[in-house]
Protein backbone atom coordinates (compact mmCIF):
# COMPACT_ATOMS: atom_id res chain seq x y z
CA UNK A 1 126.39 91.94 99.78
CA UNK A 2 125.39 88.61 101.41
CA UNK A 3 122.51 87.00 99.35
CA UNK A 4 120.12 84.25 100.76
CA UNK A 5 122.37 81.07 100.15
CA UNK A 6 124.99 82.73 102.35
CA UNK A 7 127.43 82.87 99.76
CA UNK A 8 129.44 86.29 99.98
CA UNK A 9 129.06 88.48 96.62
CA UNK A 10 131.58 91.65 96.08
CA UNK A 11 129.87 94.14 93.72
CA UNK A 12 131.45 97.34 92.15
CA UNK A 13 130.02 100.14 93.45
CA UNK A 14 130.70 101.82 89.87
CA UNK A 15 129.53 99.38 87.15
CA UNK A 16 127.76 96.84 89.61
CA UNK A 17 129.61 93.61 88.27
CA UNK A 18 129.67 91.11 91.14
CA UNK A 19 132.90 89.04 91.97
CA UNK A 20 133.47 85.98 93.86
CA UNK A 21 136.47 87.51 96.03
CA UNK A 22 137.34 90.75 97.54
CA UNK A 23 140.45 90.38 95.92
CA UNK A 24 139.18 89.83 92.43
CA UNK A 25 136.68 93.17 93.22
CA UNK A 26 139.85 95.16 94.47
CA UNK A 27 141.86 94.11 91.26
CA UNK A 28 138.90 95.31 88.93
CA UNK A 29 138.59 98.49 90.84
CA UNK A 30 142.32 99.41 90.41
CA UNK A 31 142.22 98.42 86.56
CA UNK A 32 138.85 100.07 85.49
CA UNK A 33 136.89 102.10 88.03
CA UNK A 34 138.96 103.85 90.11
CA UNK A 35 139.56 107.47 88.56
CA UNK A 36 142.11 107.52 86.09
CA UNK A 37 143.81 110.30 88.08
CA UNK A 38 144.05 107.92 90.73
CA UNK A 39 145.56 105.44 88.95
CA UNK A 40 148.18 107.80 87.45
CA UNK A 41 149.06 109.00 90.43
CA UNK A 42 149.66 105.67 91.61
CA UNK A 43 152.13 104.75 88.96
CA UNK A 44 153.84 108.20 89.12
CA UNK A 45 154.65 107.45 92.70
CA UNK A 46 156.38 104.05 92.01
CA UNK A 47 157.65 104.34 88.52
CA UNK A 48 161.29 104.69 89.93
CA UNK A 49 161.21 101.54 91.64
CA UNK A 50 162.98 99.03 88.90
CA UNK A 51 162.01 95.77 90.83
CA UNK A 52 158.61 94.78 89.98
CA UNK A 53 157.76 92.87 93.19
CA UNK A 54 158.77 95.83 95.40
CA UNK A 55 157.04 98.29 93.06
CA UNK A 56 153.76 96.12 93.22
CA UNK A 57 154.31 95.64 97.16
CA UNK A 58 154.18 99.46 97.49
CA UNK A 59 151.45 100.15 94.95
CA UNK A 60 149.39 97.59 97.09
CA UNK A 61 150.03 99.61 100.01
CA UNK A 62 149.05 102.60 98.20
CA UNK A 63 145.71 101.68 97.23
CA UNK A 64 145.08 100.19 100.55
CA UNK A 65 145.82 103.34 102.64
CA UNK A 66 145.64 105.87 99.58
CA UNK A 67 143.91 108.21 101.72
CA UNK A 68 146.60 108.54 104.03
CA UNK A 69 148.89 109.31 101.26
CA UNK A 70 146.08 111.60 99.54
CA UNK A 71 146.23 109.12 96.65
């Protein structure tokens, strides 16, 4: 959504909360507004990865391209 002052606003489609950046919005969606079964599935698919950084990178890929993986 773009307002009259040309500042870009990012708004959650579920709860209507607004965020300054797209990253903040995506983080919010993952933590709160995406369905719990989706969050659980991403966790289950990555729980075997012990290295936190690698697990988080894979989780980011799954969130970004989840439809390709039926997430």
